[in-house]
C-alpha atoms as a PDB file:
ATOM      1  CA  MET A   1     115.076 120.708 105.342  1.00  0.00           C
ATOM      2  CA  GLY A   2     115.711 123.890 103.387  1.00  0.00           C
ATOM      3  CA  ALA A   3     113.669 127.070 103.423  1.00  0.00           C
ATOM      4  CA  GLU A   4     112.297 126.258  99.963  1.00  0.00           C
ATOM      5  CA  ASN A   5     110.848 122.926 101.122  1.00  0.00           C
ATOM      6  CA  LEU A   6     109.397 124.483 104.259  1.00  0.00           C
ATOM      7  CA  SER A   7     107.731 127.128 102.105  1.00  0.00           C
ATOM      8  CA  LEU A   8     106.335 124.426  99.814  1.00  0.00           C
ATOM      9  CA  ILE A   9     104.813 122.537 102.751  1.00  0.00           C
ATOM     10  CA  GLN A  10     103.304 125.716 104.133  1.00  0.00           C
ATOM     11  CA  GLU A  11     101.650 126.449 100.798  1.00  0.00           C
ATOM     12  CA  MET A  12     100.382 122.934 100.104  1.00  0.00           C
ATOM     13  CA  LYS A  13      99.369 121.608 103.515  1.00  0.00           C
ATOM     14  CA  ARG A  14      95.683 122.559 103.287  1.00  0.00           C
ATOM     15  CA  ALA A  15      93.488 119.947 101.641  1.00  0.00           C
ATOM     16  CA  ASN A  16      91.202 120.796  98.727  1.00  0.00           C
ATOM     17  CA  PHE A  17      88.058 119.094  97.485  1.00  0.00           C
ATOM     18  CA  ARG A  18      87.373 118.027  93.910  1.00  0.00           C
ATOM     19  CA  LEU A  19      84.227 116.478  92.457  1.00  0.00           C
ATOM     20  CA  ILE A  20      84.620 113.796  89.791  1.00  0.00           C
ATOM     21  CA  ASN A  21      82.457 111.126  88.176  1.00  0.00           C
ATOM     22  CA  VAL A  22      83.482 107.516  88.832  1.00  0.00           C
ATOM     23  CA  SER A  23      81.517 104.815  86.994  1.00  0.00           C
ATOM     24  CA  GLY A  24      78.502 107.090  86.802  1.00  0.00           C
ATOM     25  CA  PHE A  25      78.606 108.146  90.476  1.00  0.00           C
ATOM     26  CA  LYS A  26      79.525 111.630  91.648  1.00  0.00           C
ATOM     27  CA  THR A  27      82.471 111.311  94.030  1.00  0.00           C
ATOM     28  CA  ASP A  28      84.269 113.888  96.140  1.00  0.00           C
ATOM     29  CA  LEU A  29      88.001 113.702  96.674  1.00  0.00           C
ATOM     30  CA  LEU A  30      90.068 115.340  99.382  1.00  0.00           C
ATOM     31  CA  GLU A  31      93.448 116.103  97.843  1.00  0.00           C
ATOM     32  CA  LEU A  32      96.875 117.440  98.728  1.00  0.00           C
ATOM     33  CA  HIS A  33      99.075 117.710  95.660  1.00  0.00           C
ATOM     34  CA  ALA A  34     102.871 117.640  95.784  1.00  0.00           C
ATOM     35  CA  LEU A  35     104.666 119.495  93.001  1.00  0.00           C
ATOM     36  CA  GLN A  36     107.157 116.691  92.386  1.00  0.00           C
ATOM     37  CA  PRO A  37     105.762 113.617  94.158  1.00  0.00           C
ATOM     38  CA  THR A  38     107.684 110.377  94.461  1.00  0.00           C
ATOM     39  CA  LEU A  39     104.573 108.410  95.409  1.00  0.00           C
ATOM     40  CA  HIS A  40     100.810 108.740  95.696  1.00  0.00           C
ATOM     41  CA  ILE A  41      99.020 107.931  98.942  1.00  0.00           C
ATOM     42  CA  LEU A  42      95.421 106.786  98.531  1.00  0.00           C
ATOM     43  CA  PHE A  43      93.451 106.809 101.770  1.00  0.00           C
ATOM     44  CA  ILE A  44      90.327 104.653 102.187  1.00  0.00           C
ATOM     45  CA  PRO A  45      88.134 105.689 105.134  1.00  0.00           C
ATOM     46  CA  GLY A  46      86.087 103.477 107.390  1.00  0.00           C
ATOM     47  CA  ASN A  47      82.308 103.401 107.554  1.00  0.00           C
ATOM     48  CA  PRO A  48      80.503 105.852 106.980  1.00  0.00           C
ATOM     49  CA  GLY A  49      83.052 106.890 104.350  1.00  0.00           C
ATOM     50  CA  VAL A  50      83.303 110.597 105.236  1.00  0.00           C
ATOM     51  CA  VAL A  51      86.885 111.656 104.534  1.00  0.00           C
ATOM     52  CA  SER A  52      86.375 115.026 106.252  1.00  0.00           C
ATOM     53  CA  PHE A  53      86.807 113.174 109.552  1.00  0.00           C
ATOM     54  CA  TYR A  54      90.414 112.567 108.495  1.00  0.00           C
ATOM     55  CA  THR A  55      91.371 116.035 107.247  1.00  0.00           C
ATOM     56  CA  ASP A  56      93.725 116.771 110.165  1.00  0.00           C
ATOM     57  CA  PHE A  57      95.314 113.331 109.840  1.00  0.00           C
ATOM     58  CA  LEU A  58      95.899 113.601 106.092  1.00  0.00           C
ATOM     59  CA  GLU A  59      97.223 117.151 106.268  1.00  0.00           C
ATOM     60  CA  SER A  60      99.620 116.114 109.049  1.00  0.00           C
ATOM     61  CA  LEU A  61     100.738 113.083 107.038  1.00  0.00           C
ATOM     62  CA  TYR A  62     101.407 115.243 103.994  1.00  0.00           C
ATOM     63  CA  GLU A  63     103.519 117.636 106.033  1.00  0.00           C
ATOM     64  CA  LEU A  64     105.459 114.884 107.819  1.00  0.00           C
ATOM     65  CA  LEU A  65     106.390 113.404 104.433  1.00  0.00           C
ATOM     66  CA  GLY A  66     107.890 116.755 103.476  1.00  0.00           C
ATOM     67  CA  GLY A  67     105.709 117.410 100.468  1.00  0.00           C
ATOM     68  CA  THR A  68     107.172 114.382  98.652  1.00  0.00           C
ATOM     69  CA  ALA A  69     103.862 112.533  98.277  1.00  0.00           C
ATOM     70  CA  SER A  70     100.496 113.509  96.879  1.00  0.00           C
ATOM     71  CA  VAL A  71      97.625 112.449  99.134  1.00  0.00           C
ATOM     72  CA  THR A  72      94.067 111.603  98.121  1.00  0.00           C
ATOM     73  CA  GLY A  73      91.159 110.682 100.376  1.00  0.00           C
ATOM     74  CA  ASN A  74      88.312 109.039  98.495  1.00  0.00           C
ATOM     75  CA  TYR A  75      84.758 109.660  99.722  1.00  0.00           C
ATOM     76  CA  TRP A  76      82.207 106.901  99.373  1.00  0.00           C
ATOM     77  CA  PRO A  77      79.866 107.723  96.464  1.00  0.00           C
ATOM     78  CA  TYR A  78      76.754 108.647  98.457  1.00  0.00           C
ATOM     79  CA  ILE A  79      78.639 111.426 100.314  1.00  0.00           C
ATOM     80  CA  SER A  80      79.197 114.813  98.705  1.00  0.00           C
ATOM     81  CA  LEU A  81      80.030 118.338  99.827  1.00  0.00           C
ATOM     82  CA  ARG A  82      78.888 120.554  97.032  1.00  0.00           C
ATOM     83  CA  GLU A  83      76.382 122.890  98.658  1.00  0.00           C
ATOM     84  CA  ALA A  84      77.283 125.070 101.639  1.00  0.00           C
ATOM     85  CA  GLY A  85      79.519 122.399 103.088  1.00  0.00           C
ATOM     86  CA  VAL A  86      76.557 120.065 103.654  1.00  0.00           C
ATOM     87  CA  SER A  87      76.601 116.567 102.159  1.00  0.00           C
ATOM     88  CA  MET A  88      73.976 115.959  99.502  1.00  0.00           C
ATOM     89  CA  ASP A  89      72.298 112.671  98.642  1.00  0.00           C
ATOM     90  CA  TRP A  90      73.482 112.557  95.026  1.00  0.00           C
ATOM     91  CA  GLU A  91      72.370 108.978  94.487  1.00  0.00           C
ATOM     92  CA  SER A  92      68.975 109.386  96.175  1.00  0.00           C
ATOM     93  CA  GLY A  93      67.675 106.063  97.445  1.00  0.00           C
ATOM     94  CA  ARG A  94      70.773 104.160  96.240  1.00  0.00           C
ATOM     95  CA  LEU A  95      72.377 101.795  98.759  1.00  0.00           C
ATOM     96  CA  PHE A  96      75.978 100.666  98.258  1.00  0.00           C
ATOM     97  CA  SER A  97      77.304  97.302  99.442  1.00  0.00           C
ATOM     98  CA  LEU A  98      80.828  96.489 100.561  1.00  0.00           C
ATOM     99  CA  GLN A  99      81.625  94.909  97.189  1.00  0.00           C
ATOM    100  CA  GLU A 100      80.284  97.968  95.383  1.00  0.00           C
ATOM    101  CA  GLN A 101      82.541 100.175  97.501  1.00  0.00           C
ATOM    102  CA  ILE A 102      85.511  98.011  96.535  1.00  0.00           C
ATOM    103  CA  ASN A 103      84.514  98.195  92.860  1.00  0.00           C
ATOM    104  CA  HIS A 104      84.142 101.978  93.151  1.00  0.00           C
ATOM    105  CA  LYS A 105      87.716 102.358  94.447  1.00  0.00           C
ATOM    106  CA  ILE A 106      89.063 100.048  91.745  1.00  0.00           C
ATOM    107  CA  SER A 107      87.276 102.115  89.099  1.00  0.00           C
ATOM    108  CA  TYR A 108      88.728 105.291  90.594  1.00  0.00           C
ATOM    109  CA  ILE A 109      92.285 103.956  90.311  1.00  0.00           C
ATOM    110  CA  GLU A 110      91.703 102.762  86.759  1.00  0.00           C
ATOM    111  CA  GLN A 111      90.280 106.156  85.825  1.00  0.00           C
ATOM    112  CA  GLU A 112      92.507 108.559  87.742  1.00  0.00           C
ATOM    113  CA  LEU A 113      95.739 106.811  88.768  1.00  0.00           C
ATOM    114  CA  GLN A 114      96.411 104.077  86.224  1.00  0.00           C
ATOM    115  CA  ASP A 115      98.642 106.334  84.121  1.00  0.00           C
ATOM    116  CA  VAL A 116     100.244 108.146  87.058  1.00  0.00           C
ATOM    117  CA  GLU A 117     103.946 107.319  87.127  1.00  0.00           C
ATOM    118  CA  GLN A 118     104.296 107.354  90.902  1.00  0.00           C
ATOM    119  CA  PRO A 119     103.645 104.106  92.804  1.00  0.00           C
ATOM    120  CA  ILE A 120     100.669 103.941  95.169  1.00  0.00           C
ATOM    121  CA  VAL A 121     100.693 103.526  98.932  1.00  0.00           C
ATOM    122  CA  LEU A 122      97.311 102.414 100.272  1.00  0.00           C
ATOM    123  CA  VAL A 123      96.262 103.497 103.756  1.00  0.00           C
ATOM    124  CA  GLY A 124      92.947 102.214 105.100  1.00  0.00           C
ATOM    125  CA  HIS A 125      91.063 102.656 108.360  1.00  0.00           C
ATOM    126  CA  SER A 126      88.747 100.030 109.851  1.00  0.00           C
ATOM    127  CA  ILE A 127      86.798  98.388 106.979  1.00  0.00           C
ATOM    128  CA  GLY A 128      88.913 100.607 104.725  1.00  0.00           C
ATOM    129  CA  SER A 129      91.817  98.301 105.639  1.00  0.00           C
ATOM    130  CA  TYR A 130      89.936  95.325 104.203  1.00  0.00           C
ATOM    131  CA  ILE A 131      89.034  97.346 101.106  1.00  0.00           C
ATOM    132  CA  SER A 132      92.700  98.364 100.735  1.00  0.00           C
ATOM    133  CA  LEU A 133      93.839  94.732 100.764  1.00  0.00           C
ATOM    134  CA  GLU A 134      91.261  93.888  98.094  1.00  0.00           C
ATOM    135  CA  ILE A 135      92.543  96.810  95.993  1.00  0.00           C
ATOM    136  CA  PHE A 136      96.117  95.623  96.538  1.00  0.00           C
ATOM    137  CA  LYS A 137      95.175  92.213  95.107  1.00  0.00           C
ATOM    138  CA  ARG A 138      93.959  93.937  91.942  1.00  0.00           C
ATOM    139  CA  PHE A 139      96.910  96.336  91.475  1.00  0.00           C
ATOM    140  CA  GLN A 140      99.938  94.377  92.636  1.00  0.00           C
ATOM    141  CA  GLN A 141     102.215  96.052  90.096  1.00  0.00           C
ATOM    142  CA  LYS A 142     101.037  99.556  90.999  1.00  0.00           C
ATOM    143  CA  VAL A 143     100.785  99.349  94.805  1.00  0.00           C
ATOM    144  CA  ILE A 144     104.047  99.179  96.746  1.00  0.00           C
ATOM    145  CA  TYR A 145     102.745  99.323 100.332  1.00  0.00           C
ATOM    146  CA  CYS A 146      99.494  98.851 102.246  1.00  0.00           C
ATOM    147  CA  ILE A 147      98.841 100.076 105.797  1.00  0.00           C
ATOM    148  CA  GLY A 148      95.794  99.052 107.832  1.00  0.00           C
ATOM    149  CA  LEU A 149      94.851 101.296 110.770  1.00  0.00           C
ATOM    150  CA  TYR A 150      92.702  99.742 113.519  1.00  0.00           C
ATOM    151  CA  PRO A 151      91.736  97.194 110.854  1.00  0.00           C
ATOM    152  CA  PHE A 152      88.390  95.439 110.529  1.00  0.00           C
ATOM    153  CA  LEU A 153      89.553  92.368 108.600  1.00  0.00           C
ATOM    154  CA  ALA A 154      87.365  89.578 109.927  1.00  0.00           C
ATOM    155  CA  LEU A 155      84.243  89.053 111.993  1.00  0.00           C
ATOM    156  CA  ASN A 156      84.636  89.154 115.753  1.00  0.00           C
ATOM    157  CA  ILE A 157      82.084  86.585 116.885  1.00  0.00           C
ATOM    158  CA  ALA A 158      83.054  87.156 120.538  1.00  0.00           C
ATOM    159  CA  SER A 159      82.032  90.827 120.458  1.00  0.00           C
ATOM    160  CA  SER A 160      78.620  91.605 121.954  1.00  0.00           C
ATOM    161  CA  THR A 161      78.863  95.090 120.414  1.00  0.00           C
ATOM    162  CA  GLN A 162      79.248  93.653 116.927  1.00  0.00           C
ATOM    163  CA  SER A 163      76.374  91.250 117.566  1.00  0.00           C
ATOM    164  CA  SER A 164      74.103  94.159 118.532  1.00  0.00           C
ATOM    165  CA  ILE A 165      75.143  96.223 115.514  1.00  0.00           C
ATOM    166  CA  ARG A 166      74.617  93.218 113.272  1.00  0.00           C
ATOM    167  CA  ARG A 167      71.068  92.663 114.548  1.00  0.00           C
ATOM    168  CA  LEU A 168      70.308  96.352 114.062  1.00  0.00           C
ATOM    169  CA  ALA A 169      71.782  96.492 110.554  1.00  0.00           C
ATOM    170  CA  MET A 170      69.827  93.420 109.478  1.00  0.00           C
ATOM    171  CA  THR A 171      66.466  94.734 110.711  1.00  0.00           C
ATOM    172  CA  PRO A 172      65.039  97.138 108.075  1.00  0.00           C
ATOM    173  CA  SER A 173      62.482  98.722 110.414  1.00  0.00           C
ATOM    174  CA  LEU A 174      65.143  99.542 113.013  1.00  0.00           C
ATOM    175  CA  CYS A 175      67.465 100.939 110.325  1.00  0.00           C
ATOM    176  CA  ALA A 176      64.696 103.212 109.067  1.00  0.00           C
ATOM    177  CA  ALA A 177      63.811 104.378 112.582  1.00  0.00           C
ATOM    178  CA  LEU A 178      67.416 105.142 113.491  1.00  0.00           C
ATOM    179  CA  SER A 179      67.917 106.965 110.200  1.00  0.00           C
ATOM    180  CA  TYR A 180      64.864 109.152 110.848  1.00  0.00           C
ATOM    181  CA  ILE A 181      66.035 109.938 114.375  1.00  0.00           C
ATOM    182  CA  GLY A 182      69.498 110.883 113.116  1.00  0.00           C
ATOM    183  CA  ALA A 183      68.007 113.050 110.377  1.00  0.00           C
ATOM    184  CA  LEU A 184      65.770 114.841 112.897  1.00  0.00           C
ATOM    185  CA  LEU A 185      68.799 115.509 115.086  1.00  0.00           C
ATOM    186  CA  GLY A 186      70.593 116.909 112.062  1.00  0.00           C
ATOM    187  CA  LYS A 187      67.728 119.332 111.406  1.00  0.00           C
ATOM    188  CA  LEU A 188      67.895 120.876 114.876  1.00  0.00           C
ATOM    189  CA  PRO A 189      69.442 124.357 115.187  1.00  0.00           C
ATOM    190  CA  ASP A 190      73.222 124.082 114.912  1.00  0.00           C
ATOM    191  CA  PRO A 191      74.036 124.966 118.546  1.00  0.00           C
ATOM    192  CA  ILE A 192      71.617 122.327 119.844  1.00  0.00           C
ATOM    193  CA  SER A 193      72.762 119.508 117.556  1.00  0.00           C
ATOM    194  CA  ARG A 194      76.425 120.259 118.278  1.00  0.00           C
ATOM    195  CA  PHE A 195      75.744 120.363 122.021  1.00  0.00           C
ATOM    196  CA  LEU A 196      73.985 116.978 121.922  1.00  0.00           C
ATOM    197  CA  VAL A 197      76.707 115.407 119.791  1.00  0.00           C
ATOM    198  CA  THR A 198      79.440 116.749 122.059  1.00  0.00           C
ATOM    199  CA  LYS A 199      77.671 115.402 125.130  1.00  0.00           C
ATOM    200  CA  SER A 200      77.117 111.969 123.585  1.00  0.00           C
ATOM    201  CA  MET A 201      80.547 111.602 121.982  1.00  0.00           C
ATOM    202  CA  GLY A 202      82.510 113.107 124.835  1.00  0.00           C
ATOM    203  CA  LYS A 203      84.627 116.199 125.131  1.00  0.00           C
ATOM    204  CA  SER A 204      87.625 114.463 123.578  1.00  0.00           C
ATOM    205  CA  TRP A 205      86.242 114.899 120.061  1.00  0.00           C
ATOM    206  CA  SER A 206      87.644 117.889 118.216  1.00  0.00           C
ATOM    207  CA  SER A 207      85.302 120.677 117.187  1.00  0.00           C
ATOM    208  CA  SER A 208      85.962 119.837 113.527  1.00  0.00           C
ATOM    209  CA  ALA A 209      84.916 116.194 114.084  1.00  0.00           C
ATOM    210  CA  VAL A 210      81.691 117.308 115.776  1.00  0.00           C
ATOM    211  CA  GLU A 211      81.049 119.641 112.827  1.00  0.00           C
ATOM    212  CA  VAL A 212      81.583 116.831 110.328  1.00  0.00           C
ATOM    213  CA  LEU A 213      79.232 114.489 112.152  1.00  0.00           C
ATOM    214  CA  CYS A 214      76.487 117.116 112.338  1.00  0.00           C
ATOM    215  CA  THR A 215      76.723 118.255 108.733  1.00  0.00           C
ATOM    216  CA  HIS A 216      77.762 115.121 106.820  1.00  0.00           C
ATOM    217  CA  VAL A 217      76.436 112.120 108.737  1.00  0.00           C
ATOM    218  CA  LEU A 218      73.160 113.183 110.372  1.00  0.00           C
ATOM    219  CA  GLN A 219      71.097 112.751 107.216  1.00  0.00           C
ATOM    220  CA  TYR A 220      68.579 110.013 106.519  1.00  0.00           C
ATOM    221  CA  HIS A 221      70.168 108.580 103.395  1.00  0.00           C
ATOM    222  CA  THR A 222      73.712 108.705 104.800  1.00  0.00           C
ATOM    223  CA  ILE A 223      72.710 106.775 107.918  1.00  0.00           C
ATOM    224  CA  ARG A 224      70.749 104.222 105.851  1.00  0.00           C
ATOM    225  CA  ASN A 225      73.825 103.668 103.688  1.00  0.00           C
ATOM    226  CA  MET A 226      76.049 103.398 106.741  1.00  0.00           C
ATOM    227  CA  LEU A 227      73.804 100.665 108.166  1.00  0.00           C
ATOM    228  CA  PHE A 228      73.371  98.893 104.806  1.00  0.00           C
ATOM    229  CA  MET A 229      77.145  98.896 104.370  1.00  0.00           C
ATOM    230  CA  ALA A 230      77.506  97.441 107.871  1.00  0.00           C
ATOM    231  CA  MET A 231      75.027  94.687 107.004  1.00  0.00           C
ATOM    232  CA  THR A 232      77.018  93.712 103.908  1.00  0.00           C
ATOM    233  CA  GLU A 233      80.259  93.841 105.910  1.00  0.00           C
ATOM    234  CA  PHE A 234      78.865  91.273 108.340  1.00  0.00           C
ATOM    235  CA  LYS A 235      77.672  89.114 105.442  1.00  0.00           C
ATOM    236  CA  LYS A 236      80.842  89.256 103.356  1.00  0.00           C
ATOM    237  CA  LEU A 237      83.710  89.389 105.828  1.00  0.00           C
ATOM    238  CA  PRO A 238      85.230  86.013 106.690  1.00  0.00           C
ATOM    239  CA  GLU A 239      86.073  84.816 110.191  1.00  0.00           C
ATOM    240  CA  LYS A 240      89.743  84.781 109.215  1.00  0.00           C
ATOM    241  CA  PRO A 241      91.809  87.206 107.113  1.00  0.00           C
ATOM    242  CA  ASP A 242      93.279  86.103 103.785  1.00  0.00           C
ATOM    243  CA  TRP A 243      96.447  84.551 105.199  1.00  0.00           C
ATOM    244  CA  ASP A 244      97.841  83.436 101.831  1.00  0.00           C
ATOM    245  CA  PHE A 245      97.780  86.950 100.393  1.00  0.00           C
ATOM    246  CA  ILE A 246      99.200  88.551 103.547  1.00  0.00           C
ATOM    247  CA  ARG A 247     102.003  85.984 103.626  1.00  0.00           C
ATOM    248  CA  GLY A 248     102.811  86.588  99.979  1.00  0.00           C
ATOM    249  CA  LYS A 249     103.007  90.361 100.475  1.00  0.00           C
ATOM    250  CA  LYS A 250     104.228  90.472 104.076  1.00  0.00           C
ATOM    251  CA  SER A 251     107.076  92.889 103.332  1.00  0.00           C
ATOM    252  CA  GLN A 252     104.575  95.332 101.797  1.00  0.00           C
ATOM    253  CA  ILE A 253     101.880  95.229 104.486  1.00  0.00           C
ATOM    254  CA  ALA A 254     101.643  96.811 107.946  1.00  0.00           C
ATOM    255  CA  PHE A 255      98.904  96.914 110.581  1.00  0.00           C
ATOM    256  CA  LEU A 256      98.292  99.137 113.584  1.00  0.00           C
ATOM    257  CA  PHE A 257      95.947  97.753 116.256  1.00  0.00           C
ATOM    258  CA  GLY A 258      94.382  99.433 119.271  1.00  0.00           C
ATOM    259  CA  LEU A 259      94.252  98.134 122.827  1.00  0.00           C
ATOM    260  CA  ASP A 260      90.469  98.133 123.237  1.00  0.00           C
ATOM    261  CA  ASP A 261      88.931  97.823 119.785  1.00  0.00           C
ATOM    262  CA  HIS A 262      86.234  95.274 118.994  1.00  0.00           C
ATOM    263  CA  TRP A 263      86.588  95.982 115.239  1.00  0.00           C
ATOM    264  CA  GLY A 264      90.277  95.095 115.313  1.00  0.00           C
ATOM    265  CA  PRO A 265      90.628  92.995 118.495  1.00  0.00           C
ATOM    266  CA  LEU A 266      93.959  91.902 119.877  1.00  0.00           C
ATOM    267  CA  HIS A 267      93.184  88.225 119.241  1.00  0.00           C
ATOM    268  CA  VAL A 268      93.295  89.063 115.513  1.00  0.00           C
ATOM    269  CA  TYR A 269      96.641  90.799 116.108  1.00  0.00           C
ATOM    270  CA  GLU A 270      97.936  87.665 117.864  1.00  0.00           C
ATOM    271  CA  GLU A 271      96.625  85.424 115.086  1.00  0.00           C
ATOM    272  CA  ILE A 272      98.316  87.533 112.411  1.00  0.00           C
ATOM    273  CA  ARG A 273     101.566  87.422 114.377  1.00  0.00           C
ATOM    274  CA  LYS A 274     101.226  83.637 114.573  1.00  0.00           C
ATOM    275  CA  GLN A 275     100.248  83.089 110.930  1.00  0.00           C
ATOM    276  CA  VAL A 276     102.623  85.694 109.403  1.00  0.00           C
ATOM    277  CA  PRO A 277     105.456  86.247 111.914  1.00  0.00           C
ATOM    278  CA  ASP A 278     107.423  88.642 109.722  1.00  0.00           C
ATOM    279  CA  VAL A 279     104.623  91.074 108.833  1.00  0.00           C
ATOM    280  CA  CYS A 280     104.870  94.568 110.331  1.00  0.00           C
ATOM    281  CA  LEU A 281     102.537  94.726 113.358  1.00  0.00           C
ATOM    282  CA  GLU A 282     102.198  97.251 116.148  1.00  0.00           C
ATOM    283  CA  VAL A 283      99.775  97.929 118.978  1.00  0.00           C
ATOM    284  CA  GLU A 284      99.103 101.560 119.858  1.00  0.00           C
ATOM    285  CA  HIS A 285      99.504 102.178 123.604  1.00  0.00           C
ATOM    286  CA  GLU A 286      98.819 105.918 123.643  1.00  0.00           C
ATOM    287  CA  GLY A 287      95.156 105.608 124.567  1.00  0.00           C
ATOM    288  CA  HIS A 288      93.613 106.638 121.235  1.00  0.00           C
ATOM    289  CA  SER A 289      90.349 105.041 120.197  1.00  0.00           C
ATOM    290  CA  HIS A 290      89.244 103.315 117.003  1.00  0.00           C
ATOM    291  CA  ALA A 291      87.958 106.744 115.888  1.00  0.00           C
ATOM    292  CA  PHE A 292      91.468 108.182 116.181  1.00  0.00           C
ATOM    293  CA  SER A 293      90.844 110.901 113.588  1.00  0.00           C
ATOM    294  CA  CYS A 294      88.122 112.508 115.724  1.00  0.00           C
ATOM    295  CA  THR A 295      90.722 113.884 118.132  1.00  0.00           C
ATOM    296  CA  GLU A 296      93.641 116.173 117.365  1.00  0.00           C
ATOM    297  CA  SER A 297      96.082 114.066 119.377  1.00  0.00           C
ATOM    298  CA  GLY A 298      94.955 110.859 117.663  1.00  0.00           C
ATOM    299  CA  SER A 299      95.291 112.382 114.192  1.00  0.00           C
ATOM    300  CA  THR A 300      98.787 113.645 114.976  1.00  0.00           C
ATOM    301  CA  TRP A 301     100.046 110.430 116.567  1.00  0.00           C
ATOM    302  CA  VAL A 302      98.766 108.157 113.801  1.00  0.00           C
ATOM    303  CA  ALA A 303     100.132 110.520 111.121  1.00  0.00           C
ATOM    304  CA  HIS A 304     103.581 110.217 112.721  1.00  0.00           C
ATOM    305  CA  HIS A 305     103.237 106.436 112.823  1.00  0.00           C
ATOM    306  CA  VAL A 306     102.171 106.160 109.177  1.00  0.00           C
ATOM    307  CA  SER A 307     104.835 108.563 107.931  1.00  0.00           C
ATOM    308  CA  SER A 308     107.517 106.535 109.749  1.00  0.00           C
ATOM    309  CA  LEU A 309     106.237 103.300 108.206  1.00  0.00           C
ATOM    310  CA  ILE A 310     106.295 104.820 104.726  1.00  0.00           C
ATOM    311  CA  LYS A 311     109.775 106.312 105.131  1.00  0.00           C
ATOM    312  CA  ASN A 312     111.208 103.097 106.572  1.00  0.00           C
ATOM    313  CA  ASN A 313     109.572 100.954 103.893  1.00  0.00           C
ATOM    314  CA  LEU A 314     110.844 103.117 101.058  1.00  0.00           C
ATOM    315  CA  GLN A 315     114.333 103.108 102.578  1.00  0.00           C
ATOM    316  CA  TYR A 316     114.163  99.318 102.882  1.00  0.00           C
ATOM    317  CA  SER A 317     113.045  99.027  99.262  1.00  0.00           C
ATOM    318  CA  LYS A 318     115.948 101.161  98.093  1.00  0.00           C
ATOM    319  CA  GLU A 319     118.459  99.108 100.082  1.00  0.00           C
ATOM    320  CA  SER A 320     116.979  95.855  98.754  1.00  0.00           C
END
């Protein structure tokens, strides 16, 4: 790589935020623009939809791709960053379902990316993987590749953790109580809230991830939306992924599973391998958790994995 390209990466590697209006909802974007991109990567986060958790991952991905791809992370519409770095409840009292989140992303592409010449690569995390597949179904001429990271594609009826979360999410009084508790924690003096979060989440979380949780998640309306979204996930998600679609697009889809992840359990990995033998599947053995982006090592490792998938897929497409 020449000195000019290295200089370009150095200048462009920091992500910027931009506020837009999508279907009447204020929406923040995290963006890294390439000067002459060959493709556009659209990243869909998992619940609670705070892209700031993935800043290190997306900046690393941009750099590993050598400044050849523009990268956009799309916040969910009830999250915003406009005042003093603290998320604001733009749509006060508004709760967004899984289908509404899918519709929001479709509207964003129609509004912002429909006329962009570069093809789109979708990258989704957790429920964002399911959303990405639904987007792919809608834009099959525009999307050339779809990558699901630690994917939540179907209900895991064997998971006691999911059963507990489901009962919580479907009990309005418990949702309200938990949201109030989280909001009270968020109103504590910064050193205290960060200390409590660090103790509860473990020392492995990066300082930036702790900061994001304290400033962007610990708010009443954000937690209520997170739980409402979870409720609609449990209601809408099937017990089996859409095998027909995955089979039909198997050369354009890849999944990364974790070893101990109830959202994307290994029995789903095995079932995908059985149902669609030729699809790109991998299990991460490095010890990163479902919340990979909350650690520096997880962000870096997954960025390397995704960049390799994209490079290999584009090379394959050219040779085909």
